Amino acid sequence: MAGGWSRDGAENEQMEASIQEELERMKLRRAPVGESLMDCAECGEEIPEKRRVALPGVKFCVDCAAERQGRDVRQSSYNRRGSKDSQLK
């Protein structure tokens, strides 16, 4: 699709490179830095050692981190295995 002086596939390579650069920038912005806290900054619960080692600079326990990201790690309150009718009640 590239025309003129560019070689075939040059546009795709440029798009792929742009995507990879943006992914790297996003990873750097999300990565916690510094020393990990022993206790969660929000709820005060102890942060497990494995989490502190896996994520250097972590400040929140799993539950609080998920809550801050808008995800719910707890079980939902309705029956997923039941029929659709039972879920609509």
PDB file of N, CA and C in Angstrom:
ATOM      1  N   MET A   1       0.818  -1.194   0.000  1.00  0.00           N
ATOM      2  CA  MET A   1       0.000   0.000   0.000  1.00  0.00           C
ATOM      3  C   MET A   1       0.859   1.254   0.000  1.00  0.00           C
ATOM      4  N   ALA A   2       2.088   1.126   0.499  1.00  0.00           N
ATOM      5  CA  ALA A   2       2.974   2.281   0.498  1.00  0.00           C
ATOM      6  C   ALA A   2       3.329   2.627  -0.937  1.00  0.00           C
ATOM      7  N   GLY A   3       3.431   3.902  -1.205  1.00  0.00           N
ATOM      8  CA  GLY A   3       3.767   4.328  -2.552  1.00  0.00           C
ATOM      9  C   GLY A   3       5.005   5.210  -2.528  1.00  0.00           C
ATOM     10  N   GLY A   4       5.403   5.660  -3.665  1.00  0.00           N
ATOM     11  CA  GLY A   4       6.554   6.549  -3.734  1.00  0.00           C
ATOM     12  C   GLY A   4       7.848   5.804  -3.483  1.00  0.00           C
ATOM     13  N   TRP A   5       8.681   6.360  -2.613  1.00  0.00           N
ATOM     14  CA  TRP A   5      10.016   5.815  -2.377  1.00  0.00           C
ATOM     15  C   TRP A   5      10.062   4.802  -1.238  1.00  0.00           C
ATOM     16  N   SER A   6       9.009   4.600  -0.528  1.00  0.00           N
ATOM     17  CA  SER A   6       9.039   3.654   0.594  1.00  0.00           C
ATOM     18  C   SER A   6       8.888   2.223   0.100  1.00  0.00           C
ATOM     19  N   ARG A   7       9.451   1.303   0.853  1.00  0.00           N
ATOM     20  CA  ARG A   7       9.378  -0.106   0.465  1.00  0.00           C
ATOM     21  C   ARG A   7       8.046  -0.709   0.922  1.00  0.00           C
ATOM     22  N   ASP A   8       7.731  -1.857   0.393  1.00  0.00           N
ATOM     23  CA  ASP A   8       6.495  -2.550   0.762  1.00  0.00           C
ATOM     24  C   ASP A   8       6.515  -2.901   2.246  1.00  0.00           C
ATOM     25  N   GLY A   9       5.418  -2.673   2.929  1.00  0.00           N
ATOM     26  CA  GLY A   9       5.312  -3.008   4.347  1.00  0.00           C
ATOM     27  C   GLY A   9       5.824  -1.923   5.284  1.00  0.00           C
ATOM     28  N   ALA A  10       6.312  -0.815   4.756  1.00  0.00           N
ATOM     29  CA  ALA A  10       6.872   0.242   5.598  1.00  0.00           C
ATOM     30  C   ALA A  10       5.807   0.858   6.505  1.00  0.00           C
ATOM     31  N   GLU A  11       4.597   1.020   6.008  1.00  0.00           N
ATOM     32  CA  GLU A  11       3.526   1.597   6.821  1.00  0.00           C
ATOM     33  C   GLU A  11       3.200   0.698   8.007  1.00  0.00           C
ATOM     34  N   ASN A  12       3.109  -0.608   7.748  1.00  0.00           N
ATOM     35  CA  ASN A  12       2.807  -1.552   8.828  1.00  0.00           C
ATOM     36  C   ASN A  12       3.920  -1.555   9.876  1.00  0.00           C
ATOM     37  N   GLU A  13       5.172  -1.509   9.421  1.00  0.00           N
ATOM     38  CA  GLU A  13       6.292  -1.482  10.365  1.00  0.00           C
ATOM     39  C   GLU A  13       6.248  -0.232  11.234  1.00  0.00           C
ATOM     40  N   GLN A  14       5.922   0.909  10.624  1.00  0.00           N
ATOM     41  CA  GLN A  14       5.846   2.160  11.384  1.00  0.00           C
ATOM     42  C   GLN A  14       4.705   2.111  12.397  1.00  0.00           C
ATOM     43  N   MET A  15       3.562   1.572  12.007  1.00  0.00           N
ATOM     44  CA  MET A  15       2.436   1.464  12.935  1.00  0.00           C
ATOM     45  C   MET A  15       2.790   0.529  14.095  1.00  0.00           C
ATOM     46  N   GLU A  16       3.416  -0.596  13.783  1.00  0.00           N
ATOM     47  CA  GLU A  16       3.814  -1.549  14.825  1.00  0.00           C
ATOM     48  C   GLU A  16       4.811  -0.919  15.786  1.00  0.00           C
ATOM     49  N   ALA A  17       5.769  -0.167  15.268  1.00  0.00           N
ATOM     50  CA  ALA A  17       6.754   0.507  16.108  1.00  0.00           C
ATOM     51  C   ALA A  17       6.083   1.537  17.011  1.00  0.00           C
ATOM     52  N   SER A  18       5.116   2.272  16.468  1.00  0.00           N
ATOM     53  CA  SER A  18       4.398   3.271  17.274  1.00  0.00           C
ATOM     54  C   SER A  18       3.614   2.604  18.398  1.00  0.00           C
ATOM     55  N   ILE A  19       2.985   1.495  18.098  1.00  0.00           N
ATOM     56  CA  ILE A  19       2.222   0.765  19.108  1.00  0.00           C
ATOM     57  C   ILE A  19       3.144   0.257  20.206  1.00  0.00           C
ATOM     58  N   GLN A  20       4.289  -0.318  19.827  1.00  0.00           N
ATOM     59  CA  GLN A  20       5.241  -0.831  20.824  1.00  0.00           C
ATOM     60  C   GLN A  20       5.782   0.281  21.699  1.00  0.00           C
ATOM     61  N   GLU A  21       6.089   1.448  21.122  1.00  0.00           N
ATOM     62  CA  GLU A  21       6.576   2.581  21.904  1.00  0.00           C
ATOM     63  C   GLU A  21       5.537   3.031  22.921  1.00  0.00           C
ATOM     64  N   GLU A  22       4.281   3.109  22.498  1.00  0.00           N
ATOM     65  CA  GLU A  22       3.224   3.529  23.414  1.00  0.00           C
ATOM     66  C   GLU A  22       3.021   2.510  24.526  1.00  0.00           C
ATOM     67  N   LEU A  23       3.092   1.215  24.204  1.00  0.00           N
ATOM     68  CA  LEU A  23       2.972   0.186  25.239  1.00  0.00           C
ATOM     69  C   LEU A  23       4.091   0.309  26.270  1.00  0.00           C
ATOM     70  N   GLU A  24       5.302   0.579  25.820  1.00  0.00           N
ATOM     71  CA  GLU A  24       6.424   0.760  26.749  1.00  0.00           C
ATOM     72  C   GLU A  24       6.204   1.974  27.643  1.00  0.00           C
ATOM     73  N   ARG A  25       5.715   3.076  27.067  1.00  0.00           N
ATOM     74  CA  ARG A  25       5.427   4.276  27.875  1.00  0.00           C
ATOM     75  C   ARG A  25       4.361   3.980  28.920  1.00  0.00           C
ATOM     76  N   MET A  26       3.335   3.219  28.536  1.00  0.00           N
ATOM     77  CA  MET A  26       2.264   2.886  29.480  1.00  0.00           C
ATOM     78  C   MET A  26       2.796   2.016  30.610  1.00  0.00           C
ATOM     79  N   LYS A  27       3.651   1.042  30.283  1.00  0.00           N
ATOM     80  CA  LYS A  27       4.223   0.173  31.306  1.00  0.00           C
ATOM     81  C   LYS A  27       5.040   0.980  32.306  1.00  0.00           C
ATOM     82  N   LEU A  28       5.811   1.929  31.815  1.00  0.00           N
ATOM     83  CA  LEU A  28       6.639   2.743  32.704  1.00  0.00           C
ATOM     84  C   LEU A  28       5.790   3.617  33.623  1.00  0.00           C
ATOM     85  N   ARG A  29       4.679   4.137  33.108  1.00  0.00           N
ATOM     86  CA  ARG A  29       3.811   4.972  33.938  1.00  0.00           C
ATOM     87  C   ARG A  29       3.100   4.168  35.017  1.00  0.00           C
ATOM     88  N   ARG A  30       2.772   2.905  34.738  1.00  0.00           N
ATOM     89  CA  ARG A  30       2.044   2.070  35.692  1.00  0.00           C
ATOM     90  C   ARG A  30       2.941   1.438  36.734  1.00  0.00           C
ATOM     91  N   ALA A  31       4.225   1.278  36.408  1.00  0.00           N
ATOM     92  CA  ALA A  31       5.123   0.548  37.297  1.00  0.00           C
ATOM     93  C   ALA A  31       5.387   1.346  38.564  1.00  0.00           C
ATOM     94  N   PRO A  32       5.105   0.766  39.738  1.00  0.00           N
ATOM     95  CA  PRO A  32       5.429   1.446  40.982  1.00  0.00           C
ATOM     96  C   PRO A  32       6.947   1.493  41.155  1.00  0.00           C
ATOM     97  N   VAL A  33       7.410   2.548  41.767  1.00  0.00           N
ATOM     98  CA  VAL A  33       8.845   2.693  42.001  1.00  0.00           C
ATOM     99  C   VAL A  33       9.084   2.956  43.478  1.00  0.00           C
ATOM    100  N   GLY A  34      10.302   2.737  43.907  1.00  0.00           N
ATOM    101  CA  GLY A  34      10.652   2.988  45.295  1.00  0.00           C
ATOM    102  C   GLY A  34      10.455   1.756  46.149  1.00  0.00           C
ATOM    103  N   GLU A  35      10.473   1.976  47.433  1.00  0.00           N
ATOM    104  CA  GLU A  35      10.359   0.890  48.383  1.00  0.00           C
ATOM    105  C   GLU A  35       8.894   0.525  48.620  1.00  0.00           C
ATOM    106  N   SER A  36       8.617  -0.763  48.675  1.00  0.00           N
ATOM    107  CA  SER A  36       7.259  -1.231  48.939  1.00  0.00           C
ATOM    108  C   SER A  36       6.886  -0.963  50.392  1.00  0.00           C
ATOM    109  N   LEU A  37       5.607  -0.697  50.607  1.00  0.00           N
ATOM    110  CA  LEU A  37       5.113  -0.547  51.965  1.00  0.00           C
ATOM    111  C   LEU A  37       4.854  -1.924  52.571  1.00  0.00           C
ATOM    112  N   MET A  38       5.006  -2.047  53.872  1.00  0.00           N
ATOM    113  CA  MET A  38       4.708  -3.305  54.551  1.00  0.00           C
ATOM    114  C   MET A  38       3.195  -3.472  54.723  1.00  0.00           C
ATOM    115  N   ASP A  39       2.503  -2.347  54.953  1.00  0.00           N
ATOM    116  CA  ASP A  39       1.055  -2.354  55.155  1.00  0.00           C
ATOM    117  C   ASP A  39       0.399  -1.494  54.083  1.00  0.00           C
ATOM    118  N   CYS A  40      -0.812  -1.859  53.712  1.00  0.00           N
ATOM    119  CA  CYS A  40      -1.570  -1.155  52.685  1.00  0.00           C
ATOM    120  C   CYS A  40      -1.795   0.298  53.094  1.00  0.00           C
ATOM    121  N   ALA A  41      -1.578   1.216  52.169  1.00  0.00           N
ATOM    122  CA  ALA A  41      -1.756   2.638  52.445  1.00  0.00           C
ATOM    123  C   ALA A  41      -3.222   3.005  52.632  1.00  0.00           C
ATOM    124  N   GLU A  42      -4.124   2.174  52.169  1.00  0.00           N
ATOM    125  CA  GLU A  42      -5.540   2.490  52.262  1.00  0.00           C
ATOM    126  C   GLU A  42      -6.225   1.815  53.449  1.00  0.00           C
ATOM    127  N   CYS A  43      -6.068   0.491  53.583  1.00  0.00           N
ATOM    128  CA  CYS A  43      -6.811  -0.226  54.623  1.00  0.00           C
ATOM    129  C   CYS A  43      -5.942  -0.638  55.811  1.00  0.00           C
ATOM    130  N   GLY A  44      -4.635  -0.595  55.657  1.00  0.00           N
ATOM    131  CA  GLY A  44      -3.744  -0.939  56.763  1.00  0.00           C
ATOM    132  C   GLY A  44      -3.419  -2.413  56.901  1.00  0.00           C
ATOM    133  N   GLU A  45      -4.009  -3.261  56.048  1.00  0.00           N
ATOM    134  CA  GLU A  45      -3.704  -4.692  56.089  1.00  0.00           C
ATOM    135  C   GLU A  45      -2.274  -4.927  55.619  1.00  0.00           C
ATOM    136  N   GLU A  46      -1.670  -6.006  56.100  1.00  0.00           N
ATOM    137  CA  GLU A  46      -0.314  -6.337  55.685  1.00  0.00           C
ATOM    138  C   GLU A  46      -0.292  -6.753  54.213  1.00  0.00           C
ATOM    139  N   ILE A  47       0.681  -6.242  53.459  1.00  0.00           N
ATOM    140  CA  ILE A  47       0.862  -6.629  52.068  1.00  0.00           C
ATOM    141  C   ILE A  47       1.765  -7.857  52.055  1.00  0.00           C
ATOM    142  N   PRO A  48       1.332  -8.968  51.442  1.00  0.00           N
ATOM    143  CA  PRO A  48       2.141 -10.191  51.445  1.00  0.00           C
ATOM    144  C   PRO A  48       3.523  -9.961  50.819  1.00  0.00           C
ATOM    145  N   GLU A  49       4.508 -10.666  51.360  1.00  0.00           N
ATOM    146  CA  GLU A  49       5.885 -10.503  50.885  1.00  0.00           C
ATOM    147  C   GLU A  49       6.013 -10.819  49.397  1.00  0.00           C
ATOM    148  N   LYS A  50       5.313 -11.838  48.930  1.00  0.00           N
ATOM    149  CA  LYS A  50       5.387 -12.197  47.513  1.00  0.00           C
ATOM    150  C   LYS A  50       4.920 -11.049  46.629  1.00  0.00           C
ATOM    151  N   ARG A  51       3.894 -10.324  47.054  1.00  0.00           N
ATOM    152  CA  ARG A  51       3.413  -9.166  46.284  1.00  0.00           C
ATOM    153  C   ARG A  51       4.440  -8.046  46.303  1.00  0.00           C
ATOM    154  N   ARG A  52       5.056  -7.822  47.463  1.00  0.00           N
ATOM    155  CA  ARG A  52       6.073  -6.772  47.563  1.00  0.00           C
ATOM    156  C   ARG A  52       7.279  -7.071  46.690  1.00  0.00           C
ATOM    157  N   VAL A  53       7.647  -8.342  46.592  1.00  0.00           N
ATOM    158  CA  VAL A  53       8.792  -8.734  45.763  1.00  0.00           C
ATOM    159  C   VAL A  53       8.430  -8.640  44.278  1.00  0.00           C
ATOM    160  N   ALA A  54       7.226  -9.084  43.922  1.00  0.00           N
ATOM    161  CA  ALA A  54       6.800  -9.089  42.523  1.00  0.00           C
ATOM    162  C   ALA A  54       6.600  -7.680  41.976  1.00  0.00           C
ATOM    163  N   LEU A  55       6.129  -6.765  42.825  1.00  0.00           N
ATOM    164  CA  LEU A  55       5.858  -5.393  42.414  1.00  0.00           C
ATOM    165  C   LEU A  55       6.623  -4.412  43.311  1.00  0.00           C
ATOM    166  N   PRO A  56       7.889  -4.171  43.031  1.00  0.00           N
ATOM    167  CA  PRO A  56       8.639  -3.227  43.864  1.00  0.00           C
ATOM    168  C   PRO A  56       7.947  -1.867  43.883  1.00  0.00           C
ATOM    169  N   GLY A  57       7.798  -1.314  45.061  1.00  0.00           N
ATOM    170  CA  GLY A  57       7.144  -0.019  45.207  1.00  0.00           C
ATOM    171  C   GLY A  57       5.648  -0.102  45.406  1.00  0.00           C
ATOM    172  N   VAL A  58       5.122  -1.299  45.614  1.00  0.00           N
ATOM    173  CA  VAL A  58       3.673  -1.459  45.762  1.00  0.00           C
ATOM    174  C   VAL A  58       3.214  -0.774  47.053  1.00  0.00           C
ATOM    175  N   LYS A  59       2.053  -0.131  46.972  1.00  0.00           N
ATOM    176  CA  LYS A  59       1.519   0.630  48.107  1.00  0.00           C
ATOM    177  C   LYS A  59       0.182   0.099  48.619  1.00  0.00           C
ATOM    178  N   PHE A  60      -0.481  -0.763  47.828  1.00  0.00           N
ATOM    179  CA  PHE A  60      -1.815  -1.222  48.179  1.00  0.00           C
ATOM    180  C   PHE A  60      -1.899  -2.743  48.155  1.00  0.00           C
ATOM    181  N   CYS A  61      -2.766  -3.306  48.999  1.00  0.00           N
ATOM    182  CA  CYS A  61      -3.038  -4.742  48.979  1.00  0.00           C
ATOM    183  C   CYS A  61      -3.835  -5.060  47.709  1.00  0.00           C
ATOM    184  N   VAL A  62      -4.038  -6.327  47.426  1.00  0.00           N
ATOM    185  CA  VAL A  62      -4.726  -6.742  46.198  1.00  0.00           C
ATOM    186  C   VAL A  62      -6.143  -6.175  46.143  1.00  0.00           C
ATOM    187  N   ASP A  63      -6.885  -6.277  47.242  1.00  0.00           N
ATOM    188  CA  ASP A  63      -8.272  -5.799  47.250  1.00  0.00           C
ATOM    189  C   ASP A  63      -8.360  -4.301  46.990  1.00  0.00           C
ATOM    190  N   CYS A  64      -7.522  -3.522  47.683  1.00  0.00           N
ATOM    191  CA  CYS A  64      -7.563  -2.065  47.518  1.00  0.00           C
ATOM    192  C   CYS A  64      -7.080  -1.657  46.130  1.00  0.00           C
ATOM    193  N   ALA A  65      -6.073  -2.338  45.597  1.00  0.00           N
ATOM    194  CA  ALA A  65      -5.580  -2.024  44.259  1.00  0.00           C
ATOM    195  C   ALA A  65      -6.664  -2.304  43.221  1.00  0.00           C
ATOM    196  N   ALA A  66      -7.364  -3.421  43.365  1.00  0.00           N
ATOM    197  CA  ALA A  66      -8.437  -3.755  42.438  1.00  0.00           C
ATOM    198  C   ALA A  66      -9.569  -2.747  42.540  1.00  0.00           C
ATOM    199  N   GLU A  67      -9.886  -2.319  43.753  1.00  0.00           N
ATOM    200  CA  GLU A  67     -10.941  -1.333  43.968  1.00  0.00           C
ATOM    201  C   GLU A  67     -10.583  -0.005  43.304  1.00  0.00           C
ATOM    202  N   ARG A  68      -9.323   0.405  43.443  1.00  0.00           N
ATOM    203  CA  ARG A  68      -8.869   1.659  42.854  1.00  0.00           C
ATOM    204  C   ARG A  68      -8.896   1.598  41.332  1.00  0.00           C
ATOM    205  N   GLN A  69      -8.719   0.414  40.768  1.00  0.00           N
ATOM    206  CA  GLN A  69      -8.739   0.252  39.323  1.00  0.00           C
ATOM    207  C   GLN A  69     -10.146  -0.002  38.800  1.00  0.00           C
ATOM    208  N   GLY A  70     -11.115  -0.032  39.685  1.00  0.00           N
ATOM    209  CA  GLY A  70     -12.498  -0.194  39.270  1.00  0.00           C
ATOM    210  C   GLY A  70     -12.911  -1.624  39.038  1.00  0.00           C
ATOM    211  N   ARG A  71     -12.135  -2.573  39.557  1.00  0.00           N
ATOM    212  CA  ARG A  71     -12.492  -3.979  39.402  1.00  0.00           C
ATOM    213  C   ARG A  71     -12.918  -4.525  40.742  1.00  0.00           C
ATOM    214  N   ASP A  72     -13.800  -5.487  40.715  1.00  0.00           N
ATOM    215  CA  ASP A  72     -14.250  -6.135  41.940  1.00  0.00           C
ATOM    216  C   ASP A  72     -13.710  -7.553  41.947  1.00  0.00           C
ATOM    217  N   VAL A  73     -12.874  -7.892  42.941  1.00  0.00           N
ATOM    218  CA  VAL A  73     -12.287  -9.226  43.001  1.00  0.00           C
ATOM    219  C   VAL A  73     -13.139 -10.191  43.802  1.00  0.00           C
ATOM    220  N   ARG A  74     -14.162  -9.679  44.485  1.00  0.00           N
ATOM    221  CA  ARG A  74     -15.033 -10.546  45.269  1.00  0.00           C
ATOM    222  C   ARG A  74     -16.064 -11.225  44.380  1.00  0.00           C
ATOM    223  N   GLN A  75     -16.686 -12.240  44.907  1.00  0.00           N
ATOM    224  CA  GLN A  75     -17.704 -12.981  44.169  1.00  0.00           C
ATOM    225  C   GLN A  75     -18.927 -12.097  43.940  1.00  0.00           C
ATOM    226  N   SER A  76     -19.568 -12.296  42.800  1.00  0.00           N
ATOM    227  CA  SER A  76     -20.785 -11.549  42.523  1.00  0.00           C
ATOM    228  C   SER A  76     -21.919 -12.116  43.367  1.00  0.00           C
ATOM    229  N   SER A  77     -22.986 -11.350  43.501  1.00  0.00           N
ATOM    230  CA  SER A  77     -24.070 -11.739  44.403  1.00  0.00           C
ATOM    231  C   SER A  77     -25.199 -12.492  43.710  1.00  0.00           C
ATOM    232  N   TYR A  78     -25.106 -12.765  42.423  1.00  0.00           N
ATOM    233  CA  TYR A  78     -26.177 -13.519  41.784  1.00  0.00           C
ATOM    234  C   TYR A  78     -25.651 -14.847  41.248  1.00  0.00           C
ATOM    235  N   ASN A  79     -26.553 -15.743  41.014  1.00  0.00           N
ATOM    236  CA  ASN A  79     -26.225 -17.107  40.616  1.00  0.00           C
ATOM    237  C   ASN A  79     -25.895 -17.162  39.129  1.00  0.00           C
ATOM    238  N   ARG A  80     -24.612 -17.361  38.796  1.00  0.00           N
ATOM    239  CA  ARG A  80     -24.204 -17.441  37.392  1.00  0.00           C
ATOM    240  C   ARG A  80     -24.554 -18.787  36.778  1.00  0.00           C
ATOM    241  N   ARG A  81     -24.743 -19.799  37.589  1.00  0.00           N
ATOM    242  CA  ARG A  81     -25.017 -21.130  37.067  1.00  0.00           C
ATOM    243  C   ARG A  81     -26.495 -21.381  36.853  1.00  0.00           C
ATOM    244  N   GLY A  82     -27.333 -20.554  37.412  1.00  0.00           N
ATOM    245  CA  GLY A  82     -28.773 -20.751  37.293  1.00  0.00           C
ATOM    246  C   GLY A  82     -29.274 -20.359  35.918  1.00  0.00           C
ATOM    247  N   SER A  83     -30.550 -20.555  35.714  1.00  0.00           N
ATOM    248  CA  SER A  83     -31.143 -20.192  34.444  1.00  0.00           C
ATOM    249  C   SER A  83     -31.208 -18.667  34.325  1.00  0.00           C
ATOM    250  N   LYS A  84     -31.431 -18.196  33.115  1.00  0.00           N
ATOM    251  CA  LYS A  84     -31.538 -16.756  32.908  1.00  0.00           C
ATOM    252  C   LYS A  84     -32.714 -16.187  33.669  1.00  0.00           C
ATOM    253  N   ASP A  85     -33.789 -16.951  33.780  1.00  0.00           N
ATOM    254  CA  ASP A  85     -34.962 -16.479  34.512  1.00  0.00           C
ATOM    255  C   ASP A  85     -34.642 -16.230  35.974  1.00  0.00           C
ATOM    256  N   SER A  86     -33.820 -17.103  36.581  1.00  0.00           N
ATOM    257  CA  SER A  86     -33.510 -16.911  37.982  1.00  0.00           C
ATOM    258  C   SER A  86     -32.628 -15.683  38.198  1.00  0.00           C
ATOM    259  N   GLN A  87     -31.873 -15.284  37.184  1.00  0.00           N
ATOM    260  CA  GLN A  87     -31.037 -14.103  37.294  1.00  0.00           C
ATOM    261  C   GLN A  87     -31.828 -12.816  37.122  1.00  0.00           C
ATOM    262  N   LEU A  88     -32.953 -12.900  36.475  1.00  0.00           N
ATOM    263  CA  LEU A  88     -33.760 -11.709  36.223  1.00  0.00           C
ATOM    264  C   LEU A  88     -34.633 -11.326  37.405  1.00  0.00           C
ATOM    265  N   LYS A  89     -34.773 -12.207  38.375  1.00  0.00           N
ATOM    266  CA  LYS A  89     -35.659 -11.934  39.510  1.00  0.00           C
ATOM    267  C   LYS A  89     -35.051 -10.936  40.440  1.00  0.00           C
TER     268      LYS A  89
END
